[in-house]
Amino acid sequence: MTEIARNMLFEPGAPLRGTAQVPGDKSISHRSLMLSALAVGESHVSGLLEGEDVLATAAAMRALGAQIERNENGVWHIYGVGVGSLTQPQTALDMGNSGTSTRLLMGLLASHNLTATFIGDASLSKRPMSRVTTPLGLMGAEFMNAPGGRLPLTMRGLVPAVPIEYRLPVASAQVKSAILLAGLNAPGITRVIEPVPTRDHSERMLRGFGAQLEVEVEPDGTRIISVTGEAELRPQTLVVPGDPSSAAFPVVAALITPGSEVTVTNVGMNPTRTGIFRMLQAMGADLSITNEREVGGEPVADLVARHSALTGIDVPPDIAPSMIDEFPIFFVAAAHASGRTRTSGLDELRVKESDRLALMAHGLARIGASVEEQEDGLIIDGRAGDPLDGGNSAPTIAAELDHRIAMSFAVAGLNTRSGLIIDDMSPVATSFPGFTDLLRTLRGES
């Protein structure tokens, strides 16, 4: 891994060996700051992901009246103001690259008597927000946004907001969470009907903070989540586990790099987030889950990944919500497997930080993988463990400001013939500060 101006070269080298600790779970980090700001009193959060996305959430909550401090030991102290007591921000809320911050905060503010403007970077400003603004509009919030439902966006909340029953048209933990957060300050009961289960961090944390929340599961698997409004939240002491989305990168790096064995410690193993590990095991990965335990209401474990001969599989569409952010690095694993891997039901990947299906298909093809892009997925014929081949010189991959695209191709470069160059690794700071340093350490480089 050699730095070349803004670009960075990732090339074959020594096996990856040793122990890795990944940053705190991004989803839990966002929610811990938001809910702590709505509790009355002082909450403590350790293990918080201190990437740019989460820091954008912290800055927004400060602008809305919460007092947030970080001590020298890395513990965050949040002094909350109570549900319904957030204050009018004096400037626009700059969300950087964080779609999660933006959508969840819209829900939080929809039932508060204030007006807020959301802005973001070039990547975030391309992402549509209508899937959140539509249900929040039913609750009484008003929105003025750029064409296509995009940022910059100004919203005005309503008090009292209207509790609603809303059936999610697309599986989305962000939309579900936004509605539940809005329901905290709406009189009565707000319900979200979820035909396909998505990550349940919001439900777990809302209960932990003292919200009255109930989940009913129907015979067909549909979940009905109900939250009672005008809630009073209690401050908490939270420990954020390692992010499984981040853990997937050193795990796959070890699986595809000959001679490698990596242990990733303290990884969140919430069953709504572990689809990537189940699918890798289905491909024949030598991936062990050890030291299973519970921390702060979330299951946690250590992962041991060893270089493996992977076999292509058909990925069931219904597993997509439990690994939606991990498909880019999963595609890299599939490109190294024997046989064909088929994925479908991944329309959501086209409206992430980038069109992840198109970027992964194009980039993998550039480095010698056999990829067929479908409307809602990729079909990949793997190289049976042989290194990917970008030609006589290292090709440059355009990550288009998408941190997961950048990290996925960085891992792919470790098992190529001539390496590859990522055009801009800076977006990785949004979710995985120290990513390249971790790869260097695991390869024994200084």
Protein backbone atom coordinates (compact mmCIF):
# COMPACT_ATOMS: atom_id res chain seq x y z
CA MET A 1 0.00 0.00 0.00
CA THR A 2 1.83 3.05 -1.29
CA GLU A 3 0.40 6.55 -1.22
CA ILE A 4 0.39 8.33 -4.58
CA ALA A 5 -0.71 11.96 -4.18
CA ARG A 6 -4.45 11.81 -3.39
CA ASN A 7 -4.57 8.25 -4.67
CA MET A 8 -3.51 5.08 -2.91
CA LEU A 9 -2.10 1.89 -4.37
CA PHE A 10 -3.20 -1.46 -2.93
CA GLU A 11 -1.11 -4.40 -4.09
CA PRO A 12 -0.28 -8.00 -3.20
CA GLY A 13 2.15 -8.61 -0.37
CA ALA A 14 2.51 -10.50 2.87
CA PRO A 15 -0.40 -12.47 4.39
CA LEU A 16 -2.61 -10.72 6.94
CA ARG A 17 -2.05 -12.06 10.44
CA GLY A 18 -2.95 -10.83 13.90
CA THR A 19 -5.78 -9.21 15.81
CA ALA A 20 -7.92 -6.32 14.65
CA GLN A 21 -10.35 -4.06 16.46
CA VAL A 22 -12.78 -2.19 14.27
CA PRO A 23 -14.50 1.13 15.05
CA GLY A 24 -17.77 1.25 16.97
CA ASP A 25 -21.00 0.39 15.22
CA LYS A 26 -22.13 3.38 13.18
CA SER A 27 -25.86 2.70 13.46
CA ILE A 28 -25.68 2.36 17.25
CA SER A 29 -23.40 5.39 17.55
CA HIS A 30 -25.86 7.66 15.72
CA ARG A 31 -28.79 6.48 17.80
CA SER A 32 -26.93 6.69 21.11
CA LEU A 33 -26.25 10.38 20.56
CA MET A 34 -29.79 11.17 19.43
CA LEU A 35 -31.59 9.30 22.19
CA SER A 36 -29.20 10.57 24.86
CA ALA A 37 -30.01 14.09 23.71
CA LEU A 38 -33.72 13.35 24.23
CA ALA A 39 -33.24 11.89 27.72
CA VAL A 40 -33.41 14.16 30.75
CA GLY A 41 -30.02 14.00 32.44
CA GLU A 42 -26.50 12.79 31.68
CA SER A 43 -25.75 9.74 29.54
CA HIS A 44 -22.32 8.18 29.03
CA VAL A 45 -21.27 6.48 25.78
CA SER A 46 -17.99 4.61 25.27
CA GLY A 47 -16.74 2.93 22.10
CA LEU A 48 -18.47 5.56 19.94
CA LEU A 49 -17.43 5.58 16.29
CA GLU A 50 -15.54 8.84 15.90
CA GLY A 51 -15.85 9.00 12.13
CA GLU A 52 -17.10 11.99 10.19
CA ASP A 53 -20.69 10.74 9.90
CA VAL A 54 -21.15 10.31 13.64
CA LEU A 55 -19.37 13.58 14.39
CA ALA A 56 -21.91 15.26 12.09
CA THR A 57 -24.68 13.81 14.27
CA ALA A 58 -22.94 15.09 17.42
CA ALA A 59 -22.61 18.58 15.92
CA ALA A 60 -26.29 18.59 14.93
CA MET A 61 -27.43 17.55 18.41
CA ARG A 62 -25.32 20.34 19.92
CA ALA A 63 -26.95 22.80 17.51
CA LEU A 64 -30.35 21.53 18.73
CA GLY A 65 -29.60 22.23 22.39
CA ALA A 66 -27.88 19.14 23.81
CA GLN A 67 -24.58 19.51 25.65
CA ILE A 68 -22.07 16.95 24.36
CA GLU A 69 -18.51 16.50 25.58
CA ARG A 70 -15.77 13.90 25.09
CA ASN A 71 -13.34 13.26 27.91
CA GLU A 72 -9.69 12.29 27.54
CA ASN A 73 -10.53 8.60 28.03
CA GLY A 74 -12.79 8.57 24.98
CA VAL A 75 -16.07 8.51 26.95
CA TRP A 76 -18.76 10.82 25.61
CA HIS A 77 -21.00 12.70 28.07
CA ILE A 78 -24.37 13.80 26.71
CA TYR A 79 -26.63 16.07 28.75
CA GLY A 80 -30.10 15.65 27.28
CA VAL A 81 -32.92 18.18 27.16
CA GLY A 82 -35.94 15.85 27.04
CA VAL A 83 -38.40 14.76 24.36
CA GLY A 84 -40.04 17.81 22.81
CA SER A 85 -37.44 20.25 24.15
CA LEU A 86 -34.93 20.47 21.31
CA THR A 87 -34.27 24.10 20.36
CA GLN A 88 -34.22 26.01 17.10
CA PRO A 89 -30.82 25.65 15.33
CA GLN A 90 -29.25 28.98 14.41
CA THR A 91 -27.55 27.71 11.24
CA ALA A 92 -28.07 24.96 8.67
CA LEU A 93 -27.31 21.44 9.88
CA ASP A 94 -24.36 20.18 7.81
CA MET A 95 -24.68 16.39 7.58
CA GLY A 96 -21.57 15.85 5.46
CA ASN A 97 -21.90 12.44 3.83
CA SER A 98 -24.26 10.88 6.37
CA GLY A 99 -27.59 9.70 5.03
CA THR A 100 -28.38 7.99 8.34
CA SER A 101 -27.91 11.22 10.31
CA THR A 102 -30.06 13.15 7.87
CA ARG A 103 -33.01 10.76 7.70
CA LEU A 104 -33.11 9.98 11.42
CA LEU A 105 -32.84 13.64 12.39
CA MET A 106 -35.69 14.52 10.06
CA GLY A 107 -37.79 12.05 12.02
CA LEU A 108 -36.58 13.43 15.34
CA LEU A 109 -37.47 17.00 14.37
CA ALA A 110 -40.77 16.23 12.62
CA SER A 111 -42.63 16.38 15.93
CA HIS A 112 -40.79 19.43 17.33
CA ASN A 113 -41.88 23.03 16.92
CA LEU A 114 -38.88 24.25 14.96
CA THR A 115 -37.54 24.78 11.46
CA ALA A 116 -34.28 23.24 10.28
CA THR A 117 -32.31 23.23 7.04
CA PHE A 118 -30.22 20.19 6.10
CA ILE A 119 -27.21 20.44 3.81
CA GLY A 120 -24.57 17.89 2.85
CA ASP A 121 -21.64 17.11 0.58
CA ALA A 122 -21.91 16.42 -3.14
CA SER A 123 -22.58 12.71 -2.59
CA LEU A 124 -25.30 13.15 0.03
CA SER A 125 -26.94 15.90 -2.02
CA LYS A 126 -27.60 13.36 -4.78
CA ARG A 127 -29.50 10.99 -2.51
CA PRO A 128 -33.33 11.12 -2.52
CA MET A 129 -35.08 11.78 0.79
CA SER A 130 -38.68 11.27 -0.30
CA ARG A 131 -39.00 7.83 1.27
CA VAL A 132 -38.62 9.60 4.64
CA THR A 133 -40.37 12.88 3.91
CA THR A 134 -43.50 11.09 2.64
CA PRO A 135 -44.45 9.39 5.95
CA LEU A 136 -43.23 12.36 8.01
CA GLY A 137 -45.46 14.58 5.88
CA LEU A 138 -48.41 12.41 6.92
CA MET A 139 -47.49 13.26 10.52
CA GLY A 140 -47.71 16.97 9.74
CA ALA A 141 -44.14 17.99 8.95
CA GLU A 142 -43.61 20.29 5.96
CA PHE A 143 -40.66 20.11 3.57
CA MET A 144 -39.06 22.34 0.95
CA ASN A 145 -36.30 20.56 -0.94
CA ALA A 146 -34.21 20.56 -4.09
CA PRO A 147 -35.64 18.80 -7.17
CA GLY A 148 -36.01 15.05 -6.76
CA GLY A 149 -36.52 15.27 -3.00
CA ARG A 150 -32.84 16.00 -2.43
CA LEU A 151 -30.75 18.31 -0.26
CA PRO A 152 -30.61 21.15 0.52
CA LEU A 153 -33.87 20.62 2.38
CA THR A 154 -35.75 22.79 4.86
CA MET A 155 -38.34 21.22 7.15
CA ARG A 156 -40.82 22.57 9.66
CA GLY A 157 -42.03 20.25 12.40
CA LEU A 158 -45.54 20.13 13.83
CA VAL A 159 -46.66 20.07 17.47
CA PRO A 160 -48.71 18.12 18.18
CA ALA A 161 -47.69 15.77 15.38
CA VAL A 162 -50.19 13.24 14.04
CA PRO A 163 -49.52 9.62 15.04
CA ILE A 164 -49.77 7.35 12.01
CA GLU A 165 -49.79 3.70 11.00
CA TYR A 166 -47.39 3.27 8.11
CA ARG A 167 -46.54 0.17 6.08
CA LEU A 168 -43.01 0.34 4.70
CA PRO A 169 -43.10 -0.03 0.89
CA VAL A 170 -39.36 -0.86 0.88
CA ALA A 171 -37.34 -2.51 3.65
CA SER A 172 -35.49 0.35 5.32
CA ALA A 173 -34.28 0.64 8.91
CA GLN A 174 -33.72 4.36 8.35
CA VAL A 175 -37.33 5.03 7.37
CA LYS A 176 -38.63 2.85 10.20
CA SER A 177 -36.42 4.64 12.70
CA ALA A 178 -37.36 8.10 11.46
CA ILE A 179 -41.05 7.38 11.98
CA LEU A 180 -40.50 5.89 15.44
CA LEU A 181 -38.38 8.88 16.48
CA ALA A 182 -41.09 11.24 15.28
CA GLY A 183 -43.62 9.21 17.24
CA LEU A 184 -41.79 9.87 20.52
CA ASN A 185 -43.31 13.37 20.69
CA ALA A 186 -46.65 12.63 19.01
CA PRO A 187 -49.70 12.00 21.23
CA GLY A 188 -51.04 8.47 20.99
CA ILE A 189 -49.48 5.45 19.30
CA THR A 190 -47.39 5.51 16.12
CA ARG A 191 -47.08 2.18 14.27
CA VAL A 192 -44.70 0.97 11.60
CA ILE A 193 -45.56 -2.21 9.70
CA GLU A 194 -42.43 -3.93 8.45
CA PRO A 195 -43.07 -6.77 5.97
CA VAL A 196 -39.35 -7.63 5.83
CA PRO A 197 -37.36 -7.38 9.08
CA THR A 198 -34.53 -4.82 9.11
CA ARG A 199 -31.90 -3.99 11.71
CA ASP A 200 -33.57 -3.44 15.06
CA HIS A 201 -31.12 -1.17 16.88
CA SER A 202 -33.75 1.55 17.22
CA GLU A 203 -36.24 -0.79 18.90
CA ARG A 204 -33.63 -2.15 21.32
CA MET A 205 -32.31 1.29 22.22
CA LEU A 206 -35.71 2.95 22.56
CA ARG A 207 -36.72 0.29 25.05
CA GLY A 208 -33.41 0.69 26.87
CA PHE A 209 -34.01 4.43 27.25
CA GLY A 210 -37.46 3.78 28.69
CA ALA A 211 -39.79 4.32 25.73
CA GLN A 212 -42.99 2.29 25.67
CA LEU A 213 -42.44 0.19 22.55
CA GLU A 214 -44.05 -3.07 21.51
CA VAL A 215 -43.27 -5.45 18.64
CA GLU A 216 -45.81 -7.94 17.30
CA VAL A 217 -44.73 -10.60 14.82
CA GLU A 218 -47.41 -12.01 12.54
CA PRO A 219 -47.34 -15.60 11.20
CA ASP A 220 -45.89 -14.45 7.86
CA GLY A 221 -43.00 -12.67 9.62
CA THR A 222 -44.41 -9.17 9.31
CA ARG A 223 -43.40 -7.03 12.28
CA ILE A 224 -45.69 -4.34 13.74
CA ILE A 225 -43.71 -1.88 15.85
CA SER A 226 -45.71 0.49 18.07
CA VAL A 227 -44.33 3.39 20.10
CA THR A 228 -46.34 5.44 22.58
CA GLY A 229 -45.76 9.16 22.25
CA GLU A 230 -45.02 11.94 24.71
CA ALA A 231 -42.32 9.66 26.06
CA GLU A 232 -39.97 10.36 28.94
CA LEU A 233 -36.54 8.91 28.26
CA ARG A 234 -34.03 8.05 30.98
CA PRO A 235 -30.27 8.64 30.61
CA GLN A 236 -28.13 5.56 30.02
CA THR A 237 -24.56 4.28 30.15
CA LEU A 238 -23.82 2.63 26.81
CA VAL A 239 -20.96 0.60 25.33
CA VAL A 240 -20.95 0.57 21.52
CA PRO A 241 -19.78 -2.76 20.01
CA GLY A 242 -17.57 -2.98 16.93
CA ASP A 243 -19.36 -2.39 13.64
CA PRO A 244 -20.06 -5.64 11.73
CA SER A 245 -20.03 -3.65 8.48
CA SER A 246 -16.46 -2.58 9.21
CA ALA A 247 -15.46 -6.05 10.45
CA ALA A 248 -16.43 -7.49 7.06
CA PHE A 249 -13.41 -5.82 5.39
CA PRO A 250 -10.57 -7.47 7.38
CA VAL A 251 -12.58 -10.72 7.41
CA VAL A 252 -12.84 -10.87 3.61
CA ALA A 253 -9.25 -9.67 3.25
CA ALA A 254 -8.12 -12.68 5.29
CA LEU A 255 -10.39 -15.10 3.41
CA ILE A 256 -9.02 -14.15 -0.03
CA THR A 257 -5.33 -13.62 0.82
CA PRO A 258 -3.26 -16.84 0.95
CA GLY A 259 -1.66 -17.61 4.32
CA SER A 260 -3.84 -15.19 6.27
CA GLU A 261 -5.48 -15.56 9.67
CA VAL A 262 -7.12 -12.58 11.36
CA THR A 263 -9.11 -12.28 14.58
CA VAL A 264 -11.55 -9.35 14.80
CA THR A 265 -12.58 -8.67 18.37
CA ASN A 266 -15.73 -7.24 19.97
CA VAL A 267 -17.96 -7.33 16.87
CA GLY A 268 -21.68 -6.61 17.18
CA MET A 269 -23.57 -9.76 16.21
CA ASN A 270 -27.13 -8.50 16.13
CA PRO A 271 -28.92 -11.09 13.94
CA THR A 272 -30.36 -8.31 11.78
CA ARG A 273 -26.77 -7.36 10.83
CA THR A 274 -24.90 -10.63 10.34
CA GLY A 275 -26.09 -11.78 6.93
CA ILE A 276 -22.61 -11.21 5.47
CA PHE A 277 -21.02 -13.69 7.86
CA ARG A 278 -23.73 -16.31 7.28
CA MET A 279 -23.32 -16.01 3.51
CA LEU A 280 -19.53 -16.25 3.71
CA GLN A 281 -19.88 -19.41 5.80
CA ALA A 282 -22.33 -20.74 3.19
CA MET A 283 -19.56 -20.21 0.61
CA GLY A 284 -17.26 -22.40 2.69
CA ALA A 285 -15.36 -19.68 4.54
CA ASP A 286 -13.22 -20.82 7.46
CA LEU A 287 -14.87 -18.26 9.73
CA SER A 288 -15.34 -18.99 13.43
CA ILE A 289 -17.54 -17.07 15.87
CA THR A 290 -16.07 -17.22 19.36
CA ASN A 291 -16.39 -15.62 22.80
CA GLU A 292 -20.09 -14.88 22.33
CA ARG A 293 -21.55 -12.55 24.97
CA GLU A 294 -23.96 -9.65 25.46
CA VAL A 295 -22.91 -6.02 25.95
CA GLY A 296 -25.45 -3.26 26.52
CA GLY A 297 -28.33 -5.34 25.22
CA GLU A 298 -26.54 -6.28 21.99
CA PRO A 299 -24.94 -9.67 21.19
CA VAL A 300 -21.17 -9.43 20.68
CA ALA A 301 -18.49 -11.95 19.62
CA ASP A 302 -14.99 -12.33 18.19
CA LEU A 303 -14.48 -13.50 14.60
CA VAL A 304 -11.57 -15.65 13.40
CA ALA A 305 -11.11 -15.67 9.61
CA ARG A 306 -8.59 -17.86 7.74
CA HIS A 307 -7.74 -18.02 4.05
CA SER A 308 -10.37 -20.22 2.41
CA ALA A 309 -11.38 -21.83 -0.86
CA LEU A 310 -14.78 -20.20 -1.43
CA THR A 311 -17.59 -21.55 -3.60
CA GLY A 312 -20.22 -19.44 -5.37
CA ILE A 313 -23.78 -19.45 -4.06
CA ASP A 314 -27.23 -18.05 -4.80
CA VAL A 315 -27.90 -15.40 -2.17
CA PRO A 316 -31.56 -15.43 -1.00
CA PRO A 317 -33.18 -12.02 -1.67
CA ASP A 318 -34.75 -11.97 1.80
CA ILE A 319 -31.33 -11.80 3.44
CA ALA A 320 -30.55 -8.47 1.76
CA PRO A 321 -31.70 -6.21 4.66
CA SER A 322 -29.29 -7.96 7.05
CA MET A 323 -26.25 -7.28 4.84
CA ILE A 324 -27.28 -4.40 2.59
CA ASP A 325 -24.17 -2.33 3.41
CA GLU A 326 -21.85 -5.31 3.06
CA PHE A 327 -22.68 -6.35 -0.49
CA PRO A 328 -19.76 -4.42 -2.05
CA ILE A 329 -17.18 -6.39 -0.05
CA PHE A 330 -19.24 -9.58 -0.53
CA PHE A 331 -18.94 -9.09 -4.29
CA VAL A 332 -15.15 -9.05 -3.85
CA ALA A 333 -15.34 -12.40 -2.05
CA ALA A 334 -17.56 -13.78 -4.81
CA ALA A 335 -15.02 -12.71 -7.45
CA HIS A 336 -12.46 -14.99 -5.73
CA ALA A 337 -14.80 -17.99 -5.34
CA SER A 338 -15.14 -21.06 -7.52
CA GLY A 339 -18.29 -21.05 -9.62
CA ARG A 340 -21.14 -18.60 -9.93
CA THR A 341 -22.64 -16.28 -7.30
CA ARG A 342 -26.06 -14.76 -7.98
CA THR A 343 -27.62 -11.86 -6.07
CA SER A 344 -31.00 -10.18 -6.51
CA GLY A 345 -33.40 -7.89 -4.67
CA LEU A 346 -30.68 -5.24 -4.26
CA ASP A 347 -32.43 -2.19 -5.74
CA GLU A 348 -31.52 -0.29 -2.56
CA LEU A 349 -27.84 -0.38 -3.56
CA ARG A 350 -28.54 2.00 -6.43
CA VAL A 351 -29.50 4.84 -4.06
CA LYS A 352 -26.75 4.57 -1.45
CA GLU A 353 -23.77 6.96 -1.40
CA SER A 354 -23.39 5.89 -5.02
CA ASP A 355 -24.94 3.38 -7.41
CA ARG A 356 -23.07 0.54 -5.74
CA LEU A 357 -24.23 -2.12 -8.19
CA ALA A 358 -22.92 -0.19 -11.18
CA LEU A 359 -19.65 0.83 -9.54
CA MET A 360 -18.85 -2.67 -8.26
CA ALA A 361 -19.71 -4.25 -11.61
CA HIS A 362 -17.56 -1.78 -13.53
CA GLY A 363 -14.63 -1.90 -11.12
CA LEU A 364 -14.53 -5.68 -10.79
CA ALA A 365 -14.66 -6.04 -14.57
CA ARG A 366 -11.70 -3.65 -14.87
CA ILE A 367 -9.58 -5.94 -12.72
CA GLY A 368 -10.45 -9.13 -14.54
CA ALA A 369 -13.58 -10.43 -12.85
CA SER A 370 -16.49 -11.87 -14.84
CA VAL A 371 -19.53 -9.79 -13.84
CA GLU A 372 -23.01 -9.44 -15.27
CA GLU A 373 -24.99 -6.47 -13.98
CA GLN A 374 -28.72 -7.06 -13.52
CA GLU A 375 -31.34 -4.46 -12.62
CA ASP A 376 -31.41 -5.60 -8.99
CA GLY A 377 -28.17 -7.52 -8.48
CA LEU A 378 -24.94 -8.93 -9.88
CA ILE A 379 -24.00 -12.34 -11.27
CA ILE A 380 -20.32 -13.07 -10.69
CA ASP A 381 -18.29 -16.00 -12.03
CA GLY A 382 -15.36 -16.29 -9.65
CA ARG A 383 -11.71 -16.98 -10.38
CA ALA A 384 -11.37 -19.91 -7.93
CA GLY A 385 -8.90 -18.05 -5.75
CA ASP A 386 -6.60 -16.91 -8.57
CA PRO A 387 -5.49 -13.28 -8.28
CA LEU A 388 -7.55 -10.74 -10.16
CA ASP A 389 -5.71 -9.25 -13.12
CA GLY A 390 -5.80 -5.57 -13.99
CA GLY A 391 -3.26 -5.81 -16.79
CA ASN A 392 0.40 -4.84 -16.87
CA SER A 393 -0.11 -1.77 -14.70
CA ALA A 394 -2.36 -0.98 -11.77
CA PRO A 395 -5.71 0.42 -12.99
CA THR A 396 -7.36 3.33 -11.19
CA ILE A 397 -10.75 2.68 -9.61
CA ALA A 398 -13.10 5.65 -9.14
CA ALA A 399 -14.81 5.29 -5.75
CA GLU A 400 -17.08 8.30 -6.37
CA LEU A 401 -16.86 9.49 -2.74
CA ASP A 402 -18.29 6.18 -1.47
CA HIS A 403 -16.39 4.83 1.53
CA ARG A 404 -17.56 1.23 1.09
CA ILE A 405 -16.61 1.15 -2.59
CA ALA A 406 -13.16 2.49 -1.71
CA MET A 407 -12.57 -0.07 1.05
CA SER A 408 -13.94 -2.97 -1.01
CA PHE A 409 -11.53 -2.35 -3.87
CA ALA A 410 -8.69 -1.74 -1.41
CA VAL A 411 -9.26 -5.29 -0.16
CA ALA A 412 -9.58 -6.60 -3.73
CA GLY A 413 -6.18 -5.09 -4.54
CA LEU A 414 -4.50 -7.36 -2.00
CA ASN A 415 -5.07 -10.38 -4.26
CA THR A 416 -4.33 -8.98 -7.71
CA ARG A 417 -1.34 -9.48 -10.01
CA SER A 418 -0.36 -5.83 -10.35
CA GLY A 419 -2.42 -4.04 -7.70
CA LEU A 420 -4.91 -1.25 -8.19
CA ILE A 421 -5.20 2.43 -7.34
CA ILE A 422 -8.17 3.95 -5.50
CA ASP A 423 -8.68 7.50 -6.75
CA ASP A 424 -9.64 8.93 -3.34
CA MET A 425 -9.51 7.15 0.01
CA SER A 426 -10.55 10.19 2.06
CA PRO A 427 -14.26 9.21 2.29
CA VAL A 428 -13.22 6.17 4.36
CA ALA A 429 -12.93 8.55 7.33
CA THR A 430 -16.73 8.65 7.48
CA SER A 431 -16.94 5.12 8.88
CA PHE A 432 -13.50 3.54 9.37
CA PRO A 433 -10.75 5.93 10.47
CA GLY A 434 -7.46 4.06 10.42
CA PHE A 435 -8.55 1.49 7.82
CA THR A 436 -5.36 1.62 5.76
CA ASP A 437 -3.18 1.62 8.89
CA LEU A 438 -4.98 -1.53 10.05
CA LEU A 439 -4.24 -3.31 6.77
CA ARG A 440 -0.57 -2.28 7.03
CA THR A 441 -0.35 -3.59 10.58
CA LEU A 442 -1.96 -6.92 9.70
CA ARG A 443 0.59 -7.34 6.89
CA GLY A 444 3.48 -6.55 9.21
CA GLU A 445 4.28 -3.25 7.49
CA SER A 446 5.48 -0.25 9.46
